[in-house]
């Protein structure tokens, strides 16, 4: 694929309801989109970074720098054989996985168009639909949270995930379990705790959580192994799993019993598939996490989650209108009456196109390299 032109577009899409985690409160989804032109085709990718370095060290500013000064000059007007070959060609760039993944995702989109095969087929997906869970941000009023949970349960969501942080954890769980004693419930700490809080996590065993997601620091694989040995509830690693090697080390140390694979956090779909294959071989349940993506990233997550190892747990791939009044794909991602999402396949059952009018209406910056 000869790369003829690369565009980076910054868009701002307001959330229907502010989304709060342990590290920040989001009002808009501030995102960078990548559009790569090749031999008459145009492939789209979406960068999963945020406006600040909160979830991991990358943010939109660092991504734009790495794209502009390092990745674009390396691939513009060259032939890129495949997404895998692209990833191998940028190995000398340390870290910066979200930036690499944004370009890699656009190359996958070009591969879909060039081959006529769906992303599901190219990745080796086997599932026709995937189960959807809901991830709920923090609320100042517990009654508002309980109402939210009830609303999404009425829609059929298969798993409810709550964001927690110190001071907003056990009391929230007690209230939720009192109101909803039998639902599939998980919590996500986004690295907000340390091993000093081990008694708190022991206390969480009583709430019969499906897993506790990323309770400790992103680099604390050893500490997570200590924690997992001390509690009954499975630990699910998220931020710690930045590569195949990180996943292999976590499994070997016993740092977790579940892994959340966010392909962009790992550097792209190719690396995400390698981690999936490792977990499938080792018997570690996996699920596909979300980063409040817009439609391009959300649609690619759907295809990624069709891989065979993703068959058990629900994913953070909700309907687009869960977050946004308007999205950047036509159609917007929707859920079925079974609270699943259909996976696009070679039959053309569903095709997500970039809605360029919507993108233009949300645009807050545009950079072009020819």
Protein backbone atom coordinates (compact mmCIF):
# COMPACT_ATOMS: atom_id res chain seq x y z
CA UNK A 1 0.00 0.00 0.00
CA UNK A 2 1.64 3.24 -1.12
CA UNK A 3 0.88 6.00 1.37
CA UNK A 4 -0.07 9.11 -0.61
CA UNK A 5 -1.41 11.42 2.09
CA UNK A 6 -2.09 11.44 5.83
CA UNK A 7 -4.60 13.64 7.67
CA UNK A 8 -4.98 14.06 11.41
CA UNK A 9 -8.28 15.59 12.55
CA UNK A 10 -9.02 16.67 16.10
CA UNK A 11 -12.70 16.39 17.03
CA UNK A 12 -14.68 17.39 20.11
CA UNK A 13 -17.86 15.40 20.79
CA UNK A 14 -19.78 16.31 23.98
CA UNK A 15 -20.82 13.47 26.27
CA UNK A 16 -24.54 13.20 26.95
CA UNK A 17 -23.63 12.98 30.61
CA UNK A 18 -20.20 13.83 32.12
CA UNK A 19 -18.14 10.70 32.72
CA UNK A 20 -16.09 10.64 35.93
CA UNK A 21 -13.32 8.20 36.85
CA UNK A 22 -10.77 8.11 39.66
CA UNK A 23 -8.45 10.37 37.64
CA UNK A 24 -10.62 12.99 35.91
CA UNK A 25 -14.08 14.10 34.80
CA UNK A 26 -14.79 14.10 31.06
CA UNK A 27 -17.23 16.55 29.48
CA UNK A 28 -16.17 16.07 25.83
CA UNK A 29 -14.51 13.23 23.98
CA UNK A 30 -11.47 15.07 22.67
CA UNK A 31 -10.05 12.71 20.05
CA UNK A 32 -7.63 12.52 17.12
CA UNK A 33 -8.70 10.76 13.94
CA UNK A 34 -6.23 9.46 11.35
CA UNK A 35 -7.12 9.30 7.66
CA UNK A 36 -4.59 7.59 5.39
CA UNK A 37 -4.92 7.86 1.60
CA UNK A 38 -3.52 5.02 -0.51
CA UNK A 39 -3.99 4.37 -4.22
CA UNK A 40 -7.48 5.85 -4.41
CA UNK A 41 -8.67 4.50 -1.04
CA UNK A 42 -8.89 6.17 2.37
CA UNK A 43 -8.57 4.28 5.65
CA UNK A 44 -9.69 5.66 9.01
CA UNK A 45 -8.22 5.11 12.46
CA UNK A 46 -9.05 6.64 15.82
CA UNK A 47 -6.51 7.45 18.49
CA UNK A 48 -7.68 6.46 21.99
CA UNK A 49 -5.64 9.06 23.89
CA UNK A 50 -7.28 11.76 26.03
CA UNK A 51 -6.69 15.49 26.38
CA UNK A 52 -4.28 14.89 29.28
CA UNK A 53 -1.91 12.10 30.42
CA UNK A 54 -4.33 10.61 32.94
CA UNK A 55 -5.03 7.05 31.82
CA UNK A 56 -1.45 6.50 30.65
CA UNK A 57 1.52 8.76 29.76
CA UNK A 58 0.27 9.58 26.26
CA UNK A 59 -2.17 12.36 25.49
CA UNK A 60 -3.33 14.11 22.32
CA UNK A 61 -0.40 16.52 22.41
CA UNK A 62 2.25 13.80 22.63
CA UNK A 63 0.48 11.71 19.99
CA UNK A 64 0.38 14.62 17.55
CA UNK A 65 4.09 15.23 18.13
CA UNK A 66 5.02 11.59 17.53
CA UNK A 67 2.85 11.39 14.43
CA UNK A 68 4.12 14.66 12.94
CA UNK A 69 7.81 14.30 13.75
CA UNK A 70 8.41 10.55 13.67
CA UNK A 71 5.74 8.32 12.15
CA UNK A 72 4.41 10.36 9.22
CA UNK A 73 7.90 11.15 7.81
CA UNK A 74 8.77 7.45 8.03
CA UNK A 75 5.78 6.11 6.05
CA UNK A 76 4.58 8.95 3.78
CA UNK A 77 5.24 8.13 0.09
CA UNK A 78 6.47 4.64 0.99
CA UNK A 79 4.96 1.20 0.45
CA UNK A 80 3.55 -0.40 3.61
CA UNK A 81 2.92 -4.10 3.09
CA UNK A 82 0.62 -4.68 6.07
CA UNK A 83 -0.29 -3.44 9.56
CA UNK A 84 2.19 -5.95 10.97
CA UNK A 85 5.03 -4.67 8.80
CA UNK A 86 4.19 -1.11 9.86
CA UNK A 87 4.45 -2.06 13.52
CA UNK A 88 7.80 -3.70 12.88
CA UNK A 89 9.02 -0.58 11.05
CA UNK A 90 8.35 1.69 14.06
CA UNK A 91 9.86 -0.55 16.73
CA UNK A 92 12.63 2.00 17.32
CA UNK A 93 9.99 4.41 18.71
CA UNK A 94 9.78 3.46 22.39
CA UNK A 95 6.33 3.30 23.92
CA UNK A 96 3.85 5.71 22.31
CA UNK A 97 1.56 2.76 21.64
CA UNK A 98 -1.62 4.81 21.23
CA UNK A 99 0.01 6.85 18.46
CA UNK A 100 1.21 3.72 16.66
CA UNK A 101 -2.16 2.00 17.07
CA UNK A 102 -4.02 4.92 15.50
CA UNK A 103 -1.99 4.53 12.30
CA UNK A 104 -2.13 0.73 12.43
CA UNK A 105 -5.94 0.84 12.74
CA UNK A 106 -6.21 3.03 9.63
CA UNK A 107 -4.01 0.52 7.77
CA UNK A 108 -6.35 -2.30 8.81
CA UNK A 109 -9.23 -0.27 7.35
CA UNK A 110 -7.30 0.01 4.09
CA UNK A 111 -6.72 -3.77 4.15
CA UNK A 112 -10.46 -4.33 4.53
CA UNK A 113 -11.13 -2.20 1.46
CA UNK A 114 -8.30 -3.70 -0.62
CA UNK A 115 -9.14 -7.34 0.12
CA UNK A 116 -12.93 -7.12 0.28
CA UNK A 117 -12.83 -9.06 3.56
CA UNK A 118 -14.21 -7.84 6.88
CA UNK A 119 -11.93 -6.95 9.76
CA UNK A 120 -13.42 -9.94 11.60
CA UNK A 121 -12.17 -12.24 8.85
CA UNK A 122 -8.72 -10.62 8.62
CA UNK A 123 -8.23 -10.94 12.39
CA UNK A 124 -9.60 -14.49 12.61
CA UNK A 125 -12.82 -13.71 14.45
CA UNK A 126 -15.36 -16.47 14.99
CA UNK A 127 -18.31 -14.85 16.74
CA UNK A 128 -21.32 -13.27 15.05
CA UNK A 129 -22.31 -11.14 18.02
CA UNK A 130 -20.74 -10.08 21.31
CA UNK A 131 -22.18 -9.43 24.76
CA UNK A 132 -22.26 -5.87 26.03
CA UNK A 133 -21.65 -4.57 29.53
CA UNK A 134 -22.06 -1.05 30.84
CA UNK A 135 -19.39 1.02 32.59
CA UNK A 136 -20.74 3.73 34.88
CA UNK A 137 -18.87 6.77 36.08
CA UNK A 138 -18.97 8.13 39.61
CA UNK A 139 -22.01 10.01 40.83
CA UNK A 140 -22.18 12.42 43.74
CA UNK A 141 -25.61 11.10 44.72
CA UNK A 142 -25.88 7.34 45.30
CA UNK A 143 -29.56 7.43 44.32
CA UNK A 144 -28.60 8.73 40.88
CA UNK A 145 -26.19 5.82 40.48
CA UNK A 146 -28.85 3.31 41.54
CA UNK A 147 -31.27 4.79 39.01
CA UNK A 148 -28.62 4.52 36.29
CA UNK A 149 -27.96 0.88 37.13
CA UNK A 150 -31.67 0.11 37.06
CA UNK A 151 -32.01 1.83 33.69
CA UNK A 152 -29.23 -0.17 32.04
CA UNK A 153 -30.42 -3.42 33.60
CA UNK A 154 -33.81 -2.76 32.04
CA UNK A 155 -32.05 -2.53 28.67
CA UNK A 156 -30.47 -5.93 29.25
CA UNK A 157 -26.79 -5.08 29.74
CA UNK A 158 -24.96 -8.25 30.77
CA UNK A 159 -22.54 -6.72 33.30
CA UNK A 160 -22.48 -3.57 35.42
CA UNK A 161 -19.09 -1.97 36.11
CA UNK A 162 -18.63 0.78 38.68
CA UNK A 163 -15.74 3.21 38.90
CA UNK A 164 -14.29 3.46 42.42
CA UNK A 165 -11.65 5.52 44.23
CA UNK A 166 -10.54 5.90 47.86
CA UNK A 167 -13.47 7.17 49.88
CA UNK A 168 -16.00 6.05 47.27
CA UNK A 169 -15.76 2.28 47.30
CA UNK A 170 -17.17 0.05 50.08
CA UNK A 171 -20.08 2.36 50.86
CA UNK A 172 -21.02 2.42 47.17
CA UNK A 173 -20.80 -1.36 46.90
CA UNK A 174 -22.95 -1.87 49.99
CA UNK A 175 -25.65 0.36 48.60
CA UNK A 176 -25.57 -1.27 45.17
CA UNK A 177 -25.57 -4.84 46.47
CA UNK A 178 -28.43 -4.04 48.82
CA UNK A 179 -30.51 -2.79 45.90
CA UNK A 180 -29.27 -5.32 43.32
CA UNK A 181 -28.14 -8.47 45.16
CA UNK A 182 -27.81 -10.77 42.15
CA UNK A 183 -26.49 -8.73 39.23
CA UNK A 184 -23.11 -9.38 37.58
CA UNK A 185 -21.04 -6.61 39.13
CA UNK A 186 -17.44 -5.46 38.73
CA UNK A 187 -15.42 -2.45 39.87
CA UNK A 188 -12.65 -0.49 38.19
CA UNK A 189 -10.13 1.45 40.28
CA UNK A 190 -7.91 2.78 37.47
CA UNK A 191 -4.79 2.28 39.63
CA UNK A 192 -6.10 4.40 42.51
CA UNK A 193 -4.93 2.14 45.38
CA UNK A 194 -1.78 0.57 46.86
CA UNK A 195 -1.01 -2.56 48.88
CA UNK A 196 -1.68 -0.49 52.01
CA UNK A 197 -5.35 -0.94 51.05
CA UNK A 198 -5.22 -4.73 51.12
CA UNK A 199 -7.78 -4.98 53.96
CA UNK A 200 -10.20 -2.94 51.88
CA UNK A 201 -9.90 -5.42 49.03
CA UNK A 202 -10.36 -8.34 51.41
CA UNK A 203 -13.61 -6.67 52.48
CA UNK A 204 -14.74 -6.56 48.85
CA UNK A 205 -14.84 -10.36 48.72
CA UNK A 206 -18.24 -10.27 50.41
CA UNK A 207 -19.79 -8.43 47.45
CA UNK A 208 -19.27 -11.36 45.02
CA UNK A 209 -17.67 -9.25 42.32
CA UNK A 210 -16.87 -10.88 39.01
CA UNK A 211 -13.48 -9.14 39.20
CA UNK A 212 -11.68 -6.05 40.50
CA UNK A 213 -10.12 -4.17 37.61
CA UNK A 214 -6.65 -2.59 37.93
CA UNK A 215 -6.70 -1.89 41.68
CA UNK A 216 -2.98 -0.99 41.95
CA UNK A 217 -0.47 1.01 39.91
CA UNK A 218 0.06 0.25 36.24
CA UNK A 219 3.66 -0.89 36.88
CA UNK A 220 2.82 -2.93 40.00
CA UNK A 221 2.65 -6.42 38.47
CA UNK A 222 4.49 -7.86 41.49
CA UNK A 223 2.20 -6.07 43.96
CA UNK A 224 -0.84 -7.33 42.05
CA UNK A 225 0.49 -10.87 42.50
CA UNK A 226 0.69 -10.26 46.26
CA UNK A 227 -2.86 -8.87 46.30
CA UNK A 228 -4.32 -11.71 44.21
CA UNK A 229 -2.98 -14.27 46.67
CA UNK A 230 -4.67 -12.45 49.57
CA UNK A 231 -8.18 -12.09 48.15
CA UNK A 232 -10.79 -14.42 46.68
CA UNK A 233 -12.07 -12.02 44.02
CA UNK A 234 -10.24 -12.27 40.69
CA UNK A 235 -7.97 -9.36 39.84
CA UNK A 236 -8.35 -8.10 36.26
CA UNK A 237 -5.38 -6.23 34.83
CA UNK A 238 -5.91 -3.35 32.41
CA UNK A 239 -3.31 -0.54 32.42
CA UNK A 240 -0.54 -3.02 33.30
CA UNK A 241 -1.02 -5.02 30.09
CA UNK A 242 0.85 -2.88 27.57
CA UNK A 243 2.34 -5.70 25.48
CA UNK A 244 2.55 -9.44 24.94
CA UNK A 245 5.57 -9.53 27.24
CA UNK A 246 3.70 -7.72 30.02
CA UNK A 247 0.78 -10.15 29.74
CA UNK A 248 3.12 -13.13 29.81
CA UNK A 249 4.88 -11.81 32.95
CA UNK A 250 1.57 -11.11 34.72
CA UNK A 251 0.29 -14.61 34.00
CA UNK A 252 3.56 -16.21 35.08
CA UNK A 253 3.59 -14.27 38.38
CA UNK A 254 -0.09 -14.92 39.13
CA UNK A 255 -0.85 -11.20 39.12
CA UNK A 256 -4.37 -11.65 37.78
CA UNK A 257 -7.03 -14.16 36.80
CA UNK A 258 -8.65 -11.99 34.12
CA UNK A 259 -7.19 -9.61 31.51
CA UNK A 260 -8.83 -6.65 29.82
CA UNK A 261 -7.29 -6.30 26.35
CA UNK A 262 -7.45 -2.81 24.92
CA UNK A 263 -5.72 -3.23 21.59
CA UNK A 264 -4.75 0.43 21.27
CA UNK A 265 -3.14 0.45 24.70
CA UNK A 266 -0.99 -2.47 23.52
CA UNK A 267 0.03 -0.80 20.26
CA UNK A 268 -2.68 -2.04 17.94
CA UNK A 269 -4.85 -4.91 16.80
CA UNK A 270 -1.91 -7.08 15.76
CA UNK A 271 -0.37 -6.99 19.25
CA UNK A 272 -3.80 -7.30 20.85
CA UNK A 273 -4.39 -10.50 18.90
CA UNK A 274 -1.06 -11.91 20.13
CA UNK A 275 -2.11 -11.25 23.74
CA UNK A 276 -5.50 -12.83 23.08
CA UNK A 277 -3.84 -15.94 21.69
CA UNK A 278 -1.55 -16.18 24.73
CA UNK A 279 -4.46 -15.89 27.16
CA UNK A 280 -6.49 -18.45 25.22
CA UNK A 281 -3.57 -20.88 25.45
CA UNK A 282 -3.10 -20.23 29.20
CA UNK A 283 -6.80 -20.37 30.06
CA UNK A 284 -7.03 -16.71 31.17
CA UNK A 285 -10.46 -15.14 30.51
CA UNK A 286 -10.28 -11.93 28.49
CA UNK A 287 -12.64 -9.17 27.51
CA UNK A 288 -12.38 -6.11 25.28
CA UNK A 289 -12.18 -2.85 27.18
CA UNK A 290 -13.33 0.55 26.02
CA UNK A 291 -11.91 4.06 26.23
CA UNK A 292 -15.15 5.97 25.51
CA UNK A 293 -14.34 5.62 21.83
CA UNK A 294 -16.08 7.40 19.03
CA UNK A 295 -17.60 5.27 16.30
CA UNK A 296 -14.48 4.41 14.30
CA UNK A 297 -12.68 2.95 17.30
CA UNK A 298 -15.88 1.40 18.66
CA UNK A 299 -16.56 -0.43 15.38
CA UNK A 300 -13.02 -1.81 15.26
CA UNK A 301 -13.37 -3.01 18.87
CA UNK A 302 -16.44 -5.00 17.85
CA UNK A 303 -14.46 -6.94 15.25
CA UNK A 304 -11.55 -7.46 17.65
CA UNK A 305 -13.92 -8.84 20.30
CA UNK A 306 -15.14 -11.49 17.85
CA UNK A 307 -11.92 -13.51 18.40
CA UNK A 308 -12.67 -16.90 20.01
CA UNK A 309 -11.14 -16.17 23.43
CA UNK A 310 -13.59 -13.31 24.01
CA UNK A 311 -16.62 -15.60 24.23
CA UNK A 312 -17.25 -15.56 28.00
CA UNK A 313 -17.26 -12.09 29.57
CA UNK A 314 -19.18 -8.98 28.57
CA UNK A 315 -17.31 -6.13 26.91
CA UNK A 316 -17.17 -2.35 27.31
CA UNK A 317 -18.63 -1.82 23.84
CA UNK A 318 -21.93 -0.13 24.54
CA UNK A 319 -24.24 1.50 22.04
CA UNK A 320 -22.86 4.83 20.82
CA UNK A 321 -25.89 6.72 22.11
CA UNK A 322 -24.96 5.56 25.62
CA UNK A 323 -22.36 8.34 25.44
CA UNK A 324 -23.18 10.66 22.54
CA UNK A 325 -26.15 12.32 20.86
CA UNK A 326 -24.30 12.08 17.55
CA UNK A 327 -21.34 9.95 16.55
CA UNK A 328 -18.90 9.85 13.64
CA UNK A 329 -20.04 6.68 11.86
CA UNK A 330 -23.06 5.92 9.72
CA UNK A 331 -24.77 3.98 11.12
CA UNK A 332 -24.01 4.60 14.77
CA UNK A 333 -23.22 1.48 16.79
CA UNK A 334 -26.41 0.07 18.31
CA UNK A 335 -27.22 -2.94 20.46
CA UNK A 336 -29.69 -5.70 19.63
CA UNK A 337 -32.73 -6.58 21.79
CA UNK A 338 -30.48 -9.30 23.27
CA UNK A 339 -28.06 -6.58 24.42
CA UNK A 340 -25.41 -7.76 22.03
CA UNK A 341 -23.65 -6.06 19.13
CA UNK A 342 -23.57 -7.71 15.72
CA UNK A 343 -20.12 -8.20 14.21
CA UNK A 344 -19.63 -7.01 10.62
CA UNK A 345 -18.61 -9.92 8.41
CA UNK A 346 -17.95 -10.78 4.77
CA UNK A 347 -21.67 -10.93 4.00
CA UNK A 348 -21.91 -7.17 4.43
CA UNK A 349 -24.51 -7.61 7.18
CA UNK A 350 -23.48 -4.22 8.52
CA UNK A 351 -20.86 -1.73 7.36
CA UNK A 352 -19.74 1.27 9.41
CA UNK A 353 -18.74 4.25 7.27
CA UNK A 354 -17.02 7.38 8.56
CA UNK A 355 -19.63 10.16 8.67
CA UNK A 356 -17.52 12.97 7.26
CA UNK A 357 -20.25 15.59 7.73
CA UNK A 358 -20.39 14.75 11.43
CA UNK A 359 -16.59 14.78 11.63
CA UNK A 360 -16.44 18.19 9.95
CA UNK A 361 -19.04 19.57 12.38
CA UNK A 362 -16.97 18.41 15.38
CA UNK A 363 -13.56 19.35 13.96
CA UNK A 364 -11.30 21.47 16.16
CA UNK A 365 -8.08 21.09 14.18
CA UNK A 366 -6.84 19.55 10.93
CA UNK A 367 -3.28 18.68 9.86
CA UNK A 368 -2.43 17.43 6.34
CA UNK A 369 0.74 15.80 5.02
CA UNK A 370 0.97 15.15 1.27
